[in-house]
Amino acid sequence: MVNLTRIYTRTGDAGNTRLSDNAEVPKTDPRVEAYGAVDEANSNLALAVAHGGLPERVVEMLSLVRNELFDVGADLSTPVHPDPQYPPLRIEQSSINRLEEWCDELGAELPSLRSFILPGGSPAVAQLHVARTVCRRAERVAWRAAQIHGTEPSTERGEGGVNLLAITYLNRLSDLLFNMCRTAAGPEGDVLWIPGTDRQPPEKRRGRAKK
């Protein structure tokens, strides 16, 4: 159980922070950047829900996702150790499987896409798009952390690698958020990207997308 008695500690004023195994690292360490981006994605999801107007099923899914993103952050902040003193909080395959099932559930009700879609829609949908892109960034930074620190366990504090399942979770979540955006926008809500400069009027474009 987390016990926070004071919010400011002054321990990070020199540009360093501590991972979950108490190893001191620079705040520019990609692991720190990765779980920071996860926190940013979570905050954007909170704002999307606060806007209101999202389908009840989407809000239900997000209530679990927003909690699980804290697990992702804890995972990324804990270097892999071969024999940890206490069992670390790790993302497991079952959580990824659930995201895939939800992605399929929402996708089954969505029309096929013939082009990419432009971010937009209601404030809630637009905020979901922001969360989706931040989630993609968190995944990229987590991969950078894996490239630098590896994925293998280590007995040295702060030297263990990154759990690949945490990165996979972020990848699947960004896919789910894309389907959530389309679901929340409704059947007529997709605004398709039209490459090039010869753009048709919105009325014709919308009618063309219905075919």
N, C-alpha and C. Protein backbone atom coordinates (compact mmCIF):
# COMPACT_ATOMS: atom_id res chain seq x y z
N MET A 1 0.84 -1.19 0.00
CA MET A 1 0.00 0.00 0.00
C MET A 1 0.87 1.24 0.00
N VAL A 2 0.53 2.21 -0.84
CA VAL A 2 1.28 3.46 -0.91
C VAL A 2 0.88 4.36 0.26
N ASN A 3 1.87 4.98 0.90
CA ASN A 3 1.60 5.88 2.02
C ASN A 3 2.33 7.19 1.75
N LEU A 4 1.59 8.21 1.31
CA LEU A 4 2.18 9.50 1.00
C LEU A 4 1.90 10.47 2.13
N THR A 5 2.95 10.88 2.83
CA THR A 5 2.78 11.80 3.95
C THR A 5 3.15 13.23 3.59
N ARG A 6 3.96 13.38 2.53
CA ARG A 6 4.35 14.72 2.09
C ARG A 6 4.59 14.68 0.59
N ILE A 7 4.05 15.67 -0.14
CA ILE A 7 4.15 15.67 -1.59
C ILE A 7 5.52 16.13 -2.06
N TYR A 8 6.04 17.22 -1.51
CA TYR A 8 7.36 17.69 -1.94
C TYR A 8 8.43 17.10 -1.03
N THR A 9 9.56 16.71 -1.64
CA THR A 9 10.64 16.10 -0.87
C THR A 9 11.98 16.81 -1.07
N ARG A 10 12.09 17.62 -2.11
CA ARG A 10 13.32 18.34 -2.47
C ARG A 10 14.43 17.40 -2.96
N THR A 11 14.17 16.10 -2.99
CA THR A 11 15.23 15.17 -3.38
C THR A 11 15.52 15.20 -4.87
N GLY A 12 14.60 15.76 -5.67
CA GLY A 12 14.83 15.80 -7.11
C GLY A 12 15.36 17.11 -7.62
N ASP A 13 15.74 18.01 -6.72
CA ASP A 13 16.17 19.33 -7.15
C ASP A 13 17.49 19.32 -7.91
N ALA A 14 18.24 18.24 -7.84
CA ALA A 14 19.51 18.14 -8.56
C ALA A 14 19.35 17.47 -9.92
N GLY A 15 18.10 17.22 -10.32
CA GLY A 15 17.87 16.62 -11.62
C GLY A 15 17.84 15.11 -11.62
N ASN A 16 17.80 14.51 -10.45
CA ASN A 16 17.74 13.05 -10.35
C ASN A 16 16.46 12.62 -9.68
N THR A 17 16.12 11.36 -9.85
CA THR A 17 14.97 10.77 -9.17
C THR A 17 15.31 9.32 -8.88
N ARG A 18 14.37 8.61 -8.29
CA ARG A 18 14.63 7.20 -7.95
C ARG A 18 13.61 6.30 -8.62
N LEU A 19 14.12 5.18 -9.12
CA LEU A 19 13.24 4.15 -9.66
C LEU A 19 12.61 3.38 -8.51
N SER A 20 11.76 2.44 -8.86
CA SER A 20 11.05 1.68 -7.82
C SER A 20 11.98 0.79 -7.00
N ASP A 21 13.17 0.48 -7.54
CA ASP A 21 14.12 -0.32 -6.76
C ASP A 21 15.07 0.57 -5.97
N ASN A 22 14.73 1.86 -5.89
CA ASN A 22 15.47 2.87 -5.13
C ASN A 22 16.78 3.28 -5.79
N ALA A 23 17.00 2.88 -7.04
CA ALA A 23 18.19 3.32 -7.76
C ALA A 23 18.02 4.77 -8.18
N GLU A 24 19.06 5.57 -7.99
CA GLU A 24 19.01 6.98 -8.38
C GLU A 24 19.43 7.11 -9.84
N VAL A 25 18.60 7.79 -10.62
CA VAL A 25 18.86 7.97 -12.05
C VAL A 25 18.52 9.40 -12.44
N PRO A 26 19.08 9.88 -13.56
CA PRO A 26 18.70 11.22 -14.03
C PRO A 26 17.23 11.24 -14.44
N LYS A 27 16.60 12.38 -14.32
CA LYS A 27 15.21 12.51 -14.74
C LYS A 27 15.05 12.40 -16.24
N THR A 28 16.17 12.48 -16.96
CA THR A 28 16.14 12.30 -18.41
C THR A 28 16.30 10.83 -18.82
N ASP A 29 16.44 9.94 -17.87
CA ASP A 29 16.52 8.51 -18.18
C ASP A 29 15.26 8.12 -18.96
N PRO A 30 15.38 7.38 -20.06
CA PRO A 30 14.20 7.03 -20.85
C PRO A 30 13.14 6.26 -20.08
N ARG A 31 13.55 5.54 -19.03
CA ARG A 31 12.53 4.87 -18.23
C ARG A 31 11.66 5.89 -17.51
N VAL A 32 12.29 6.94 -17.01
CA VAL A 32 11.54 8.00 -16.33
C VAL A 32 10.65 8.72 -17.34
N GLU A 33 11.19 8.98 -18.52
CA GLU A 33 10.39 9.63 -19.56
C GLU A 33 9.22 8.75 -19.98
N ALA A 34 9.44 7.44 -20.02
CA ALA A 34 8.39 6.51 -20.45
C ALA A 34 7.23 6.51 -19.46
N TYR A 35 7.53 6.34 -18.16
CA TYR A 35 6.40 6.30 -17.23
C TYR A 35 5.80 7.69 -17.02
N GLY A 36 6.58 8.74 -17.32
CA GLY A 36 6.00 10.09 -17.30
C GLY A 36 4.99 10.26 -18.43
N ALA A 37 5.32 9.73 -19.61
CA ALA A 37 4.38 9.80 -20.74
C ALA A 37 3.14 8.96 -20.48
N VAL A 38 3.29 7.86 -19.77
CA VAL A 38 2.13 7.04 -19.38
C VAL A 38 1.21 7.85 -18.47
N ASP A 39 1.79 8.57 -17.53
CA ASP A 39 1.01 9.42 -16.64
C ASP A 39 0.29 10.51 -17.43
N GLU A 40 0.97 11.06 -18.44
CA GLU A 40 0.37 12.09 -19.28
C GLU A 40 -0.82 11.52 -20.07
N ALA A 41 -0.65 10.31 -20.61
CA ALA A 41 -1.76 9.67 -21.33
C ALA A 41 -2.95 9.45 -20.41
N ASN A 42 -2.67 9.02 -19.19
CA ASN A 42 -3.73 8.77 -18.22
C ASN A 42 -4.49 10.05 -17.89
N SER A 43 -3.76 11.15 -17.76
CA SER A 43 -4.40 12.43 -17.45
C SER A 43 -5.30 12.87 -18.60
N ASN A 44 -4.87 12.62 -19.83
CA ASN A 44 -5.70 12.96 -20.98
C ASN A 44 -6.96 12.10 -21.03
N LEU A 45 -6.85 10.85 -20.63
CA LEU A 45 -8.05 9.99 -20.57
C LEU A 45 -9.02 10.52 -19.52
N ALA A 46 -8.49 10.98 -18.40
CA ALA A 46 -9.35 11.54 -17.36
C ALA A 46 -10.10 12.75 -17.88
N LEU A 47 -9.42 13.59 -18.67
CA LEU A 47 -10.05 14.78 -19.22
C LEU A 47 -11.11 14.40 -20.25
N ALA A 48 -10.84 13.36 -21.05
CA ALA A 48 -11.83 12.90 -22.03
C ALA A 48 -13.11 12.46 -21.33
N VAL A 49 -12.97 11.72 -20.24
CA VAL A 49 -14.15 11.27 -19.49
C VAL A 49 -14.86 12.47 -18.86
N ALA A 50 -14.08 13.42 -18.35
CA ALA A 50 -14.66 14.59 -17.69
C ALA A 50 -15.48 15.43 -18.65
N HIS A 51 -15.13 15.43 -19.93
CA HIS A 51 -15.90 16.18 -20.93
C HIS A 51 -17.33 15.65 -21.04
N GLY A 52 -17.52 14.38 -20.76
CA GLY A 52 -18.85 13.78 -20.87
C GLY A 52 -19.20 13.43 -22.30
N GLY A 53 -20.26 12.64 -22.45
CA GLY A 53 -20.76 12.32 -23.77
C GLY A 53 -20.17 11.06 -24.38
N LEU A 54 -19.25 10.38 -23.70
CA LEU A 54 -18.70 9.14 -24.23
C LEU A 54 -19.68 8.00 -24.00
N PRO A 55 -19.70 7.01 -24.88
CA PRO A 55 -20.58 5.85 -24.67
C PRO A 55 -20.28 5.18 -23.33
N GLU A 56 -21.33 4.67 -22.71
CA GLU A 56 -21.18 4.06 -21.39
C GLU A 56 -20.16 2.91 -21.41
N ARG A 57 -20.17 2.13 -22.48
CA ARG A 57 -19.25 0.99 -22.57
C ARG A 57 -17.81 1.49 -22.63
N VAL A 58 -17.56 2.57 -23.34
CA VAL A 58 -16.22 3.13 -23.43
C VAL A 58 -15.76 3.63 -22.07
N VAL A 59 -16.62 4.31 -21.35
CA VAL A 59 -16.28 4.81 -20.01
C VAL A 59 -15.99 3.64 -19.08
N GLU A 60 -16.77 2.57 -19.21
CA GLU A 60 -16.55 1.39 -18.39
C GLU A 60 -15.16 0.80 -18.65
N MET A 61 -14.79 0.70 -19.92
CA MET A 61 -13.46 0.18 -20.27
C MET A 61 -12.36 1.10 -19.74
N LEU A 62 -12.57 2.41 -19.88
CA LEU A 62 -11.55 3.36 -19.47
C LEU A 62 -11.34 3.37 -17.96
N SER A 63 -12.37 3.05 -17.20
CA SER A 63 -12.21 3.03 -15.75
C SER A 63 -11.17 1.99 -15.33
N LEU A 64 -11.13 0.86 -16.03
CA LEU A 64 -10.12 -0.15 -15.73
C LEU A 64 -8.78 0.24 -16.33
N VAL A 65 -8.79 0.75 -17.56
CA VAL A 65 -7.55 1.13 -18.23
C VAL A 65 -6.81 2.20 -17.43
N ARG A 66 -7.53 3.19 -16.92
CA ARG A 66 -6.88 4.28 -16.20
C ARG A 66 -6.20 3.76 -14.93
N ASN A 67 -6.80 2.76 -14.29
CA ASN A 67 -6.16 2.15 -13.13
C ASN A 67 -4.95 1.33 -13.54
N GLU A 68 -5.12 0.59 -14.66
CA GLU A 68 -4.05 -0.29 -15.11
C GLU A 68 -2.84 0.49 -15.62
N LEU A 69 -3.06 1.70 -16.10
CA LEU A 69 -1.92 2.51 -16.54
C LEU A 69 -0.98 2.84 -15.38
N PHE A 70 -1.51 2.89 -14.17
CA PHE A 70 -0.62 3.05 -13.02
C PHE A 70 0.25 1.81 -12.86
N ASP A 71 -0.32 0.63 -13.16
CA ASP A 71 0.47 -0.60 -13.14
C ASP A 71 1.58 -0.55 -14.18
N VAL A 72 1.25 -0.02 -15.37
CA VAL A 72 2.25 0.11 -16.43
C VAL A 72 3.39 1.02 -15.96
N GLY A 73 3.04 2.16 -15.35
CA GLY A 73 4.05 3.07 -14.86
C GLY A 73 4.93 2.42 -13.81
N ALA A 74 4.31 1.68 -12.90
CA ALA A 74 5.09 0.98 -11.86
C ALA A 74 6.01 -0.06 -12.48
N ASP A 75 5.51 -0.75 -13.51
CA ASP A 75 6.31 -1.75 -14.20
C ASP A 75 7.53 -1.10 -14.85
N LEU A 76 7.31 -0.02 -15.60
CA LEU A 76 8.41 0.64 -16.31
C LEU A 76 9.44 1.23 -15.34
N SER A 77 9.02 1.56 -14.14
CA SER A 77 9.94 2.16 -13.17
C SER A 77 10.68 1.10 -12.33
N THR A 78 10.43 -0.18 -12.63
CA THR A 78 11.04 -1.26 -11.85
C THR A 78 11.92 -2.12 -12.76
N PRO A 79 13.25 -1.94 -12.73
CA PRO A 79 14.14 -2.77 -13.54
C PRO A 79 13.95 -4.25 -13.22
N VAL A 80 14.06 -5.08 -14.26
CA VAL A 80 13.86 -6.52 -14.09
C VAL A 80 15.00 -7.11 -13.27
N HIS A 81 14.62 -7.83 -12.22
CA HIS A 81 15.58 -8.46 -11.30
C HIS A 81 15.33 -9.96 -11.32
N PRO A 82 16.38 -10.79 -11.29
CA PRO A 82 16.16 -12.24 -11.37
C PRO A 82 15.49 -12.83 -10.13
N ASP A 83 15.72 -12.20 -8.99
CA ASP A 83 15.16 -12.74 -7.74
C ASP A 83 14.82 -11.57 -6.80
N PRO A 84 13.76 -10.83 -7.13
CA PRO A 84 13.45 -9.64 -6.32
C PRO A 84 13.04 -10.01 -4.89
N GLN A 85 13.36 -9.11 -3.97
CA GLN A 85 13.01 -9.34 -2.57
C GLN A 85 11.50 -9.38 -2.38
N TYR A 86 10.79 -8.52 -3.12
CA TYR A 86 9.34 -8.49 -3.09
C TYR A 86 8.83 -8.62 -4.52
N PRO A 87 7.72 -9.33 -4.73
CA PRO A 87 7.19 -9.48 -6.10
C PRO A 87 6.82 -8.11 -6.67
N PRO A 88 7.41 -7.70 -7.79
CA PRO A 88 7.09 -6.40 -8.37
C PRO A 88 5.74 -6.43 -9.08
N LEU A 89 5.17 -5.26 -9.24
CA LEU A 89 3.92 -5.14 -9.99
C LEU A 89 4.27 -5.13 -11.48
N ARG A 90 3.83 -6.17 -12.19
CA ARG A 90 4.14 -6.31 -13.60
C ARG A 90 2.87 -6.47 -14.42
N ILE A 91 2.92 -5.97 -15.65
CA ILE A 91 1.84 -6.22 -16.60
C ILE A 91 1.92 -7.67 -17.04
N GLU A 92 0.79 -8.34 -17.09
CA GLU A 92 0.74 -9.74 -17.50
C GLU A 92 -0.02 -9.88 -18.81
N GLN A 93 0.16 -11.02 -19.46
CA GLN A 93 -0.44 -11.24 -20.77
C GLN A 93 -1.95 -11.13 -20.73
N SER A 94 -2.57 -11.49 -19.61
CA SER A 94 -4.04 -11.44 -19.50
C SER A 94 -4.57 -10.02 -19.70
N SER A 95 -3.82 -9.02 -19.26
CA SER A 95 -4.25 -7.63 -19.44
C SER A 95 -4.19 -7.24 -20.91
N ILE A 96 -3.18 -7.72 -21.61
CA ILE A 96 -3.06 -7.44 -23.04
C ILE A 96 -4.17 -8.15 -23.81
N ASN A 97 -4.46 -9.38 -23.41
CA ASN A 97 -5.54 -10.13 -24.06
C ASN A 97 -6.87 -9.40 -23.92
N ARG A 98 -7.11 -8.81 -22.76
CA ARG A 98 -8.35 -8.09 -22.54
C ARG A 98 -8.45 -6.87 -23.46
N LEU A 99 -7.35 -6.16 -23.62
CA LEU A 99 -7.35 -5.01 -24.54
C LEU A 99 -7.68 -5.46 -25.97
N GLU A 100 -7.11 -6.58 -26.38
CA GLU A 100 -7.38 -7.08 -27.73
C GLU A 100 -8.85 -7.47 -27.88
N GLU A 101 -9.41 -8.11 -26.86
CA GLU A 101 -10.83 -8.48 -26.90
C GLU A 101 -11.71 -7.24 -27.00
N TRP A 102 -11.38 -6.21 -26.24
CA TRP A 102 -12.17 -4.97 -26.29
C TRP A 102 -12.02 -4.29 -27.65
N CYS A 103 -10.81 -4.35 -28.19
CA CYS A 103 -10.58 -3.75 -29.51
C CYS A 103 -11.45 -4.45 -30.55
N ASP A 104 -11.51 -5.78 -30.48
CA ASP A 104 -12.35 -6.55 -31.41
C ASP A 104 -13.83 -6.26 -31.18
N GLU A 105 -14.21 -6.11 -29.92
CA GLU A 105 -15.61 -5.84 -29.58
C GLU A 105 -16.07 -4.53 -30.21
N LEU A 106 -15.28 -3.49 -30.05
CA LEU A 106 -15.66 -2.19 -30.62
C LEU A 106 -15.52 -2.21 -32.14
N GLY A 107 -14.47 -2.85 -32.63
CA GLY A 107 -14.23 -2.87 -34.06
C GLY A 107 -15.30 -3.58 -34.85
N ALA A 108 -15.97 -4.54 -34.23
CA ALA A 108 -17.01 -5.31 -34.93
C ALA A 108 -18.18 -4.43 -35.33
N GLU A 109 -18.38 -3.31 -34.63
CA GLU A 109 -19.50 -2.42 -34.91
C GLU A 109 -19.11 -1.24 -35.79
N LEU A 110 -17.85 -1.16 -36.19
CA LEU A 110 -17.37 0.00 -36.95
C LEU A 110 -17.30 -0.31 -38.44
N PRO A 111 -17.64 0.67 -39.29
CA PRO A 111 -17.49 0.46 -40.73
C PRO A 111 -16.03 0.40 -41.13
N SER A 112 -15.75 -0.27 -42.24
CA SER A 112 -14.38 -0.37 -42.73
C SER A 112 -13.88 1.01 -43.15
N LEU A 113 -12.59 1.19 -42.98
CA LEU A 113 -11.97 2.47 -43.34
C LEU A 113 -11.27 2.35 -44.70
N ARG A 114 -11.43 3.38 -45.52
CA ARG A 114 -10.74 3.45 -46.80
C ARG A 114 -9.62 4.47 -46.78
N SER A 115 -9.46 5.14 -45.66
CA SER A 115 -8.40 6.12 -45.50
C SER A 115 -8.16 6.32 -44.02
N PHE A 116 -7.10 7.04 -43.68
CA PHE A 116 -6.90 7.43 -42.30
C PHE A 116 -7.96 8.47 -41.93
N ILE A 117 -8.19 8.62 -40.62
CA ILE A 117 -9.15 9.63 -40.18
C ILE A 117 -8.41 10.77 -39.50
N LEU A 118 -8.99 11.95 -39.60
CA LEU A 118 -8.42 13.12 -38.96
C LEU A 118 -8.90 13.20 -37.51
N PRO A 119 -8.01 13.54 -36.57
CA PRO A 119 -8.45 13.73 -35.19
C PRO A 119 -9.49 14.85 -35.12
N GLY A 120 -10.49 14.67 -34.32
CA GLY A 120 -11.52 15.70 -34.19
C GLY A 120 -12.76 15.15 -33.55
N GLY A 121 -13.88 15.79 -33.83
CA GLY A 121 -15.14 15.38 -33.24
C GLY A 121 -15.47 16.24 -32.04
N SER A 122 -16.19 15.66 -31.09
CA SER A 122 -16.55 16.37 -29.87
C SER A 122 -15.30 16.60 -29.03
N PRO A 123 -15.38 17.48 -28.02
CA PRO A 123 -14.22 17.66 -27.14
C PRO A 123 -13.74 16.36 -26.52
N ALA A 124 -14.67 15.48 -26.13
CA ALA A 124 -14.28 14.20 -25.53
C ALA A 124 -13.54 13.32 -26.54
N VAL A 125 -14.04 13.27 -27.77
CA VAL A 125 -13.40 12.45 -28.80
C VAL A 125 -12.03 13.01 -29.15
N ALA A 126 -11.94 14.33 -29.29
CA ALA A 126 -10.66 14.96 -29.59
C ALA A 126 -9.65 14.67 -28.48
N GLN A 127 -10.12 14.67 -27.23
CA GLN A 127 -9.22 14.39 -26.12
C GLN A 127 -8.78 12.93 -26.12
N LEU A 128 -9.65 12.03 -26.56
CA LEU A 128 -9.26 10.62 -26.72
C LEU A 128 -8.15 10.50 -27.76
N HIS A 129 -8.26 11.29 -28.83
CA HIS A 129 -7.21 11.27 -29.85
C HIS A 129 -5.88 11.75 -29.25
N VAL A 130 -5.93 12.78 -28.41
CA VAL A 130 -4.71 13.25 -27.76
C VAL A 130 -4.12 12.13 -26.90
N ALA A 131 -4.97 11.45 -26.13
CA ALA A 131 -4.50 10.35 -25.29
C ALA A 131 -3.88 9.25 -26.15
N ARG A 132 -4.49 8.99 -27.30
CA ARG A 132 -3.97 7.96 -28.20
C ARG A 132 -2.57 8.30 -28.67
N THR A 133 -2.35 9.55 -29.06
CA THR A 133 -1.03 9.93 -29.56
C THR A 133 0.01 9.95 -28.44
N VAL A 134 -0.38 10.35 -27.25
CA VAL A 134 0.55 10.32 -26.12
C VAL A 134 0.91 8.88 -25.77
N CYS A 135 -0.07 7.99 -25.89
CA CYS A 135 0.18 6.57 -25.63
C CYS A 135 1.20 6.02 -26.63
N ARG A 136 1.09 6.43 -27.89
CA ARG A 136 2.07 6.03 -28.90
C ARG A 136 3.46 6.56 -28.53
N ARG A 137 3.51 7.79 -28.05
CA ARG A 137 4.81 8.35 -27.65
C ARG A 137 5.40 7.58 -26.47
N ALA A 138 4.54 7.23 -25.51
CA ALA A 138 5.01 6.46 -24.36
C ALA A 138 5.60 5.13 -24.83
N GLU A 139 4.97 4.51 -25.82
CA GLU A 139 5.49 3.25 -26.35
C GLU A 139 6.87 3.47 -26.99
N ARG A 140 7.01 4.54 -27.78
CA ARG A 140 8.29 4.80 -28.44
C ARG A 140 9.40 5.04 -27.42
N VAL A 141 9.10 5.81 -26.37
CA VAL A 141 10.10 6.08 -25.35
C VAL A 141 10.45 4.80 -24.59
N ALA A 142 9.44 3.96 -24.34
CA ALA A 142 9.68 2.69 -23.65
C ALA A 142 10.60 1.79 -24.48
N TRP A 143 10.41 1.81 -25.81
CA TRP A 143 11.31 1.04 -26.67
C TRP A 143 12.73 1.60 -26.61
N ARG A 144 12.85 2.92 -26.52
CA ARG A 144 14.18 3.51 -26.37
C ARG A 144 14.83 3.05 -25.07
N ALA A 145 14.03 2.98 -24.01
CA ALA A 145 14.54 2.49 -22.73
C ALA A 145 15.00 1.05 -22.86
N ALA A 146 14.24 0.24 -23.60
CA ALA A 146 14.62 -1.16 -23.79
C ALA A 146 15.90 -1.27 -24.61
N GLN A 147 16.08 -0.39 -25.58
CA GLN A 147 17.30 -0.41 -26.38
C GLN A 147 18.52 -0.05 -25.53
N ILE A 148 18.34 0.86 -24.60
CA ILE A 148 19.46 1.32 -23.76
C ILE A 148 19.72 0.36 -22.61
N HIS A 149 18.66 -0.08 -21.95
CA HIS A 149 18.81 -0.89 -20.74
C HIS A 149 18.62 -2.39 -21.00
N GLY A 150 18.15 -2.73 -22.19
CA GLY A 150 17.93 -4.13 -22.48
C GLY A 150 16.66 -4.67 -21.85
N THR A 151 16.51 -5.97 -21.91
CA THR A 151 15.33 -6.63 -21.34
C THR A 151 15.71 -7.75 -20.37
N GLU A 152 17.00 -7.94 -20.17
CA GLU A 152 17.46 -9.03 -19.31
C GLU A 152 17.51 -8.59 -17.84
N PRO A 153 17.30 -9.55 -16.92
CA PRO A 153 17.39 -9.21 -15.49
C PRO A 153 18.82 -8.94 -15.05
N SER A 154 18.93 -8.21 -13.99
CA SER A 154 20.23 -7.92 -13.40
C SER A 154 20.09 -7.82 -11.89
N THR A 155 21.12 -8.26 -11.17
CA THR A 155 21.12 -8.15 -9.71
C THR A 155 21.56 -6.77 -9.25
N GLU A 156 22.15 -5.98 -10.16
CA GLU A 156 22.60 -4.64 -9.81
C GLU A 156 21.42 -3.69 -9.77
N ARG A 157 21.34 -2.91 -8.73
CA ARG A 157 20.25 -1.96 -8.59
C ARG A 157 20.25 -0.96 -9.75
N GLY A 158 19.09 -0.82 -10.37
CA GLY A 158 18.94 0.13 -11.46
C GLY A 158 19.43 -0.36 -12.80
N GLU A 159 20.00 -1.57 -12.87
CA GLU A 159 20.60 -2.06 -14.11
C GLU A 159 19.73 -3.06 -14.85
N GLY A 160 18.67 -3.54 -14.25
CA GLY A 160 17.82 -4.53 -14.92
C GLY A 160 17.11 -3.94 -16.12
N GLY A 161 16.66 -4.82 -17.01
CA GLY A 161 16.03 -4.37 -18.24
C GLY A 161 14.57 -3.98 -18.07
N VAL A 162 13.89 -3.84 -19.20
CA VAL A 162 12.50 -3.41 -19.27
C VAL A 162 11.62 -4.62 -19.58
N ASN A 163 10.49 -4.70 -18.92
CA ASN A 163 9.53 -5.76 -19.18
C ASN A 163 8.81 -5.49 -20.51
N LEU A 164 9.00 -6.36 -21.49
CA LEU A 164 8.43 -6.13 -22.82
C LEU A 164 6.90 -6.13 -22.81
N LEU A 165 6.28 -6.83 -21.86
CA LEU A 165 4.82 -6.85 -21.82
C LEU A 165 4.25 -5.47 -21.51
N ALA A 166 4.99 -4.67 -20.77
CA ALA A 166 4.53 -3.30 -20.50
C ALA A 166 4.49 -2.48 -21.79
N ILE A 167 5.47 -2.70 -22.66
CA ILE A 167 5.50 -1.98 -23.93
C ILE A 167 4.38 -2.50 -24.85
N THR A 168 4.19 -3.81 -24.85
CA THR A 168 3.11 -4.38 -25.66
C THR A 168 1.76 -3.84 -25.22
N TYR A 169 1.58 -3.67 -23.93
CA TYR A 169 0.32 -3.12 -23.41
C TYR A 169 0.06 -1.75 -24.01
N LEU A 170 1.07 -0.90 -24.07
CA LEU A 170 0.90 0.45 -24.61
C LEU A 170 0.54 0.40 -26.10
N ASN A 171 1.12 -0.54 -26.82
CA ASN A 171 0.80 -0.69 -28.23
C ASN A 171 -0.66 -1.06 -28.43
N ARG A 172 -1.13 -2.04 -27.67
CA ARG A 172 -2.52 -2.48 -27.81
C ARG A 172 -3.49 -1.42 -27.32
N LEU A 173 -3.08 -0.67 -26.29
CA LEU A 173 -3.96 0.37 -25.78
C LEU A 173 -4.16 1.46 -26.82
N SER A 174 -3.11 1.83 -27.53
CA SER A 174 -3.27 2.86 -28.55
C SER A 174 -4.22 2.39 -29.65
N ASP A 175 -4.17 1.09 -29.99
CA ASP A 175 -5.13 0.55 -30.96
C ASP A 175 -6.55 0.64 -30.42
N LEU A 176 -6.72 0.28 -29.15
CA LEU A 176 -8.05 0.34 -28.53
C LEU A 176 -8.56 1.78 -28.50
N LEU A 177 -7.69 2.72 -28.18
CA LEU A 177 -8.11 4.12 -28.12
C LEU A 177 -8.56 4.62 -29.50
N PHE A 178 -7.92 4.12 -30.56
CA PHE A 178 -8.35 4.49 -31.90
C PHE A 178 -9.78 4.03 -32.15
N ASN A 179 -10.08 2.78 -31.77
CA ASN A 179 -11.45 2.29 -31.94
C ASN A 179 -12.42 3.02 -31.02
N MET A 180 -11.96 3.41 -29.83
CA MET A 180 -12.82 4.18 -28.94
C MET A 180 -13.17 5.53 -29.55
N CYS A 181 -12.18 6.16 -30.20
CA CYS A 181 -12.43 7.44 -30.86
C CYS A 181 -13.52 7.30 -31.91
N ARG A 182 -13.42 6.27 -32.72
CA ARG A 182 -14.39 6.06 -33.79
C ARG A 182 -15.77 5.70 -33.21
N THR A 183 -15.78 4.87 -32.18
CA THR A 183 -17.04 4.49 -31.55
C THR A 183 -17.74 5.70 -30.96
N ALA A 184 -16.97 6.54 -30.25
CA ALA A 184 -17.55 7.71 -29.60
C ALA A 184 -17.99 8.76 -30.62
N ALA A 185 -17.34 8.81 -31.78
CA ALA A 185 -17.71 9.78 -32.81
C ALA A 185 -19.00 9.41 -33.51
N GLY A 186 -19.37 8.12 -33.49
CA GLY A 186 -20.61 7.69 -34.13
C GLY A 186 -20.40 7.30 -35.57
N PRO A 187 -21.41 6.68 -36.19
CA PRO A 187 -21.28 6.17 -37.56
C PRO A 187 -20.99 7.23 -38.61
N GLU A 188 -21.38 8.47 -38.36
CA GLU A 188 -21.13 9.54 -39.33
C GLU A 188 -19.97 10.44 -38.90
N GLY A 189 -19.26 10.02 -37.87
CA GLY A 189 -18.26 10.92 -37.29
C GLY A 189 -16.88 10.86 -37.91
N ASP A 190 -16.58 9.83 -38.71
CA ASP A 190 -15.25 9.72 -39.31
C ASP A 190 -15.02 10.83 -40.34
N VAL A 191 -13.97 11.60 -40.15
CA VAL A 191 -13.56 12.58 -41.14
C VAL A 191 -12.30 12.03 -41.80
N LEU A 192 -12.44 11.60 -43.06
CA LEU A 192 -11.36 10.90 -43.72
C LEU A 192 -10.29 11.86 -44.24
N TRP A 193 -9.06 11.42 -44.12
CA TRP A 193 -7.93 12.15 -44.70
C TRP A 193 -7.94 11.95 -46.21
N ILE A 194 -7.85 13.06 -46.95
CA ILE A 194 -7.79 13.02 -48.41
C ILE A 194 -6.42 13.55 -48.82
N PRO A 195 -5.54 12.70 -49.30
CA PRO A 195 -4.19 13.14 -49.66
C PRO A 195 -4.23 14.14 -50.82
N GLY A 196 -3.24 15.02 -50.86
CA GLY A 196 -3.13 15.96 -51.96
C GLY A 196 -3.86 17.26 -51.70
N THR A 197 -3.80 18.12 -52.68
CA THR A 197 -4.38 19.46 -52.51
C THR A 197 -5.74 19.62 -53.15
N ASP A 198 -6.14 18.72 -54.06
CA ASP A 198 -7.46 18.83 -54.69
C ASP A 198 -8.50 18.21 -53.78
N ARG A 199 -8.99 18.99 -52.85
CA ARG A 199 -9.91 18.46 -51.85
C ARG A 199 -11.35 18.78 -52.25
N GLN A 200 -12.21 17.77 -52.11
CA GLN A 200 -13.61 17.97 -52.41
C GLN A 200 -14.29 18.69 -51.26
N PRO A 201 -15.42 19.35 -51.53
CA PRO A 201 -16.18 19.97 -50.45
C PRO A 201 -16.57 18.94 -49.40
N PRO A 202 -16.70 19.33 -48.13
CA PRO A 202 -17.05 18.39 -47.07
C PRO A 202 -18.32 17.60 -47.35
N GLU A 203 -19.32 18.22 -48.01
CA GLU A 203 -20.57 17.50 -48.27
C GLU A 203 -20.33 16.29 -49.16
N LYS A 204 -19.57 16.47 -50.23
CA LYS A 204 -19.29 15.37 -51.14
C LYS A 204 -18.43 14.31 -50.46
N ARG A 205 -17.46 14.76 -49.65
CA ARG A 205 -16.58 13.83 -48.98
C ARG A 205 -17.36 12.95 -48.01
N ARG A 206 -18.28 13.57 -47.27
CA ARG A 206 -19.08 12.82 -46.31
C ARG A 206 -19.97 11.82 -47.03
N GLY A 207 -20.55 12.24 -48.14
CA GLY A 207 -21.40 11.34 -48.89
C GLY A 207 -20.62 10.20 -49.48
N ARG A 208 -19.39 10.46 -49.90
CA ARG A 208 -18.56 9.43 -50.49
C ARG A 208 -18.17 8.38 -49.46
N ALA A 209 -17.97 8.83 -48.20
CA ALA A 209 -17.56 7.90 -47.16
C ALA A 209 -18.67 6.91 -46.80
N LYS A 210 -19.93 7.25 -47.11
CA LYS A 210 -21.05 6.37 -46.76
C LYS A 210 -21.15 5.19 -47.70
N LYS A 211 -20.57 5.28 -48.88
CA LYS A 211 -20.73 4.24 -49.88
C LYS A 211 -20.05 2.96 -49.46
